[in-house]
Amino acid sequence: MIENKAGLKRKKSFVGKVISNKMDKTAVIQIERTFLHAQYQKVIKRFTRLKAHDQENKCQVGDQVKIIETKPISKEKHWKVIEIISSVPQNPSAKAGEQ
């Protein structure tokens, strides 16, 4: 965590994409980061998957969300969904069982 002028710790926040929402009140968020390789000067993409608390189960797969660091909620859940930045429209005719 980063400290500000008052000595308070500022929490980390990331923007990522929801890749799973099958758990109750939990969404799996994929964070993409890019960096330059030190020797070869090639841009490299790395992905991190984080579990975030979604109190109202509003997140859908494909949504862009903002998450913030929080105290541990469970063994792997240390993040909370703050806002849904962009939502993917759901197509009702695209369900697997319907024709």
C-alpha atoms as a PDB file:
ATOM      1  CA  MET A   1       0.000   0.000   0.000  1.00  0.00           C
ATOM      2  CA  ILE A   2       1.046   3.564  -0.607  1.00  0.00           C
ATOM      3  CA  GLU A   3       1.064   6.177   2.132  1.00  0.00           C
ATOM      4  CA  ASN A   4      -0.222   9.696   1.544  1.00  0.00           C
ATOM      5  CA  LYS A   5       0.830  12.934   3.304  1.00  0.00           C
ATOM      6  CA  ALA A   6      -1.314  12.301   6.373  1.00  0.00           C
ATOM      7  CA  GLY A   7       0.330   8.905   6.927  1.00  0.00           C
ATOM      8  CA  LEU A   8      -2.816   7.010   5.960  1.00  0.00           C
ATOM      9  CA  LYS A   9      -2.503   4.030   3.660  1.00  0.00           C
ATOM     10  CA  ARG A  10      -4.159   4.322   0.267  1.00  0.00           C
ATOM     11  CA  LYS A  11      -5.671   1.104  -1.059  1.00  0.00           C
ATOM     12  CA  LYS A  12      -4.725  -0.354  -4.436  1.00  0.00           C
ATOM     13  CA  SER A  13      -7.353  -0.368  -7.162  1.00  0.00           C
ATOM     14  CA  PHE A  14      -7.486  -2.035 -10.564  1.00  0.00           C
ATOM     15  CA  VAL A  15      -9.776  -2.154 -13.573  1.00  0.00           C
ATOM     16  CA  GLY A  16     -10.409  -5.593 -15.008  1.00  0.00           C
ATOM     17  CA  LYS A  17     -12.807  -7.875 -16.839  1.00  0.00           C
ATOM     18  CA  VAL A  18     -15.200 -10.333 -15.175  1.00  0.00           C
ATOM     19  CA  ILE A  19     -14.410 -13.862 -16.368  1.00  0.00           C
ATOM     20  CA  SER A  20     -16.586 -15.834 -13.942  1.00  0.00           C
ATOM     21  CA  ASN A  21     -19.545 -15.089 -11.683  1.00  0.00           C
ATOM     22  CA  LYS A  22     -20.690 -18.605 -10.779  1.00  0.00           C
ATOM     23  CA  MET A  23     -19.914 -18.266  -7.069  1.00  0.00           C
ATOM     24  CA  ASP A  24     -22.339 -16.576  -4.678  1.00  0.00           C
ATOM     25  CA  LYS A  25     -21.331 -12.935  -3.999  1.00  0.00           C
ATOM     26  CA  THR A  26     -17.957 -13.520  -5.704  1.00  0.00           C
ATOM     27  CA  ALA A  27     -16.649 -12.612  -9.154  1.00  0.00           C
ATOM     28  CA  VAL A  28     -13.345 -13.626 -10.719  1.00  0.00           C
ATOM     29  CA  ILE A  29     -11.692 -10.578 -12.294  1.00  0.00           C
ATOM     30  CA  GLN A  30      -8.881 -10.760 -14.842  1.00  0.00           C
ATOM     31  CA  ILE A  31      -6.358  -7.919 -14.687  1.00  0.00           C
ATOM     32  CA  GLU A  32      -4.167  -7.301 -17.734  1.00  0.00           C
ATOM     33  CA  ARG A  33      -0.798  -5.604 -17.362  1.00  0.00           C
ATOM     34  CA  THR A  34       1.788  -4.852 -20.027  1.00  0.00           C
ATOM     35  CA  PHE A  35       5.478  -4.203 -19.620  1.00  0.00           C
ATOM     36  CA  LEU A  36       8.618  -4.004 -21.701  1.00  0.00           C
ATOM     37  CA  HIS A  37      11.040  -6.932 -21.574  1.00  0.00           C
ATOM     38  CA  ALA A  38      14.357  -5.746 -20.126  1.00  0.00           C
ATOM     39  CA  GLN A  39      16.617  -7.454 -22.669  1.00  0.00           C
ATOM     40  CA  TYR A  40      14.534  -7.884 -25.807  1.00  0.00           C
ATOM     41  CA  GLN A  41      12.464  -4.660 -25.590  1.00  0.00           C
ATOM     42  CA  LYS A  42       9.283  -6.532 -26.524  1.00  0.00           C
ATOM     43  CA  VAL A  43       5.913  -5.595 -25.016  1.00  0.00           C
ATOM     44  CA  ILE A  44       4.696  -8.505 -22.901  1.00  0.00           C
ATOM     45  CA  LYS A  45       1.155  -9.071 -21.590  1.00  0.00           C
ATOM     46  CA  ARG A  46       0.574 -10.776 -18.258  1.00  0.00           C
ATOM     47  CA  PHE A  47      -2.783 -11.649 -16.720  1.00  0.00           C
ATOM     48  CA  THR A  48      -3.716 -11.915 -13.053  1.00  0.00           C
ATOM     49  CA  ARG A  49      -6.944 -13.463 -11.785  1.00  0.00           C
ATOM     50  CA  LEU A  50      -8.369 -12.046  -8.563  1.00  0.00           C
ATOM     51  CA  LYS A  51     -11.479 -13.014  -6.615  1.00  0.00           C
ATOM     52  CA  ALA A  52     -13.558  -9.988  -5.630  1.00  0.00           C
ATOM     53  CA  HIS A  53     -16.575  -9.572  -3.366  1.00  0.00           C
ATOM     54  CA  ASP A  54     -19.747  -8.660  -5.273  1.00  0.00           C
ATOM     55  CA  GLN A  55     -22.407  -8.014  -2.619  1.00  0.00           C
ATOM     56  CA  GLU A  56     -25.443  -7.748  -4.931  1.00  0.00           C
ATOM     57  CA  ASN A  57     -24.315 -10.325  -7.549  1.00  0.00           C
ATOM     58  CA  LYS A  58     -24.590  -7.619 -10.240  1.00  0.00           C
ATOM     59  CA  CYS A  59     -21.449  -8.536 -12.216  1.00  0.00           C
ATOM     60  CA  GLN A  60     -21.946 -10.432 -15.467  1.00  0.00           C
ATOM     61  CA  VAL A  61     -19.270 -12.192 -17.528  1.00  0.00           C
ATOM     62  CA  GLY A  62     -17.587  -9.660 -19.817  1.00  0.00           C
ATOM     63  CA  ASP A  63     -18.238  -6.567 -17.675  1.00  0.00           C
ATOM     64  CA  GLN A  64     -15.455  -4.060 -17.033  1.00  0.00           C
ATOM     65  CA  VAL A  65     -15.272  -3.424 -13.279  1.00  0.00           C
ATOM     66  CA  LYS A  66     -13.200  -1.428 -10.829  1.00  0.00           C
ATOM     67  CA  ILE A  67     -11.985  -3.300  -7.744  1.00  0.00           C
ATOM     68  CA  ILE A  68     -10.301  -2.050  -4.584  1.00  0.00           C
ATOM     69  CA  GLU A  69      -8.161  -3.749  -1.980  1.00  0.00           C
ATOM     70  CA  THR A  70      -9.917  -4.628   1.283  1.00  0.00           C
ATOM     71  CA  LYS A  71      -9.358  -6.681   4.414  1.00  0.00           C
ATOM     72  CA  PRO A  72      -9.460 -10.465   3.859  1.00  0.00           C
ATOM     73  CA  ILE A  73     -13.031 -11.663   3.399  1.00  0.00           C
ATOM     74  CA  SER A  74     -12.111 -15.321   2.882  1.00  0.00           C
ATOM     75  CA  LYS A  75      -9.029 -17.411   2.092  1.00  0.00           C
ATOM     76  CA  GLU A  76      -8.604 -16.022  -1.434  1.00  0.00           C
ATOM     77  CA  LYS A  77     -10.910 -12.981  -1.468  1.00  0.00           C
ATOM     78  CA  HIS A  78      -9.130  -9.693  -0.601  1.00  0.00           C
ATOM     79  CA  TRP A  79     -10.811  -7.379  -3.144  1.00  0.00           C
ATOM     80  CA  LYS A  80     -14.210  -5.694  -3.461  1.00  0.00           C
ATOM     81  CA  VAL A  81     -16.085  -4.590  -6.599  1.00  0.00           C
ATOM     82  CA  ILE A  82     -16.578  -0.824  -6.374  1.00  0.00           C
ATOM     83  CA  GLU A  83     -18.331  -0.085  -9.673  1.00  0.00           C
ATOM     84  CA  ILE A  84     -19.273  -1.610 -12.992  1.00  0.00           C
ATOM     85  CA  ILE A  85     -17.644   0.607 -15.617  1.00  0.00           C
ATOM     86  CA  SER A  86     -19.155  -0.975 -18.733  1.00  0.00           C
ATOM     87  CA  SER A  87     -21.665  -3.755 -19.031  1.00  0.00           C
ATOM     88  CA  VAL A  88     -22.027  -6.313 -21.801  1.00  0.00           C
ATOM     89  CA  PRO A  89     -25.596  -6.416 -23.183  1.00  0.00           C
ATOM     90  CA  GLN A  90     -27.242  -9.791 -22.650  1.00  0.00           C
ATOM     91  CA  ASN A  91     -28.903 -11.370 -25.701  1.00  0.00           C
ATOM     92  CA  PRO A  92     -31.919 -13.415 -24.482  1.00  0.00           C
ATOM     93  CA  SER A  93     -32.134 -15.471 -27.705  1.00  0.00           C
ATOM     94  CA  ALA A  94     -28.524 -16.649 -27.353  1.00  0.00           C
ATOM     95  CA  LYS A  95     -29.227 -19.022 -24.454  1.00  0.00           C
ATOM     96  CA  ALA A  96     -27.916 -22.550 -24.961  1.00  0.00           C
ATOM     97  CA  GLY A  97     -31.206 -24.426 -24.442  1.00  0.00           C
ATOM     98  CA  GLU A  98     -33.454 -22.303 -26.664  1.00  0.00           C
ATOM     99  CA  GLN A  99     -33.925 -22.462 -30.414  1.00  0.00           C
END
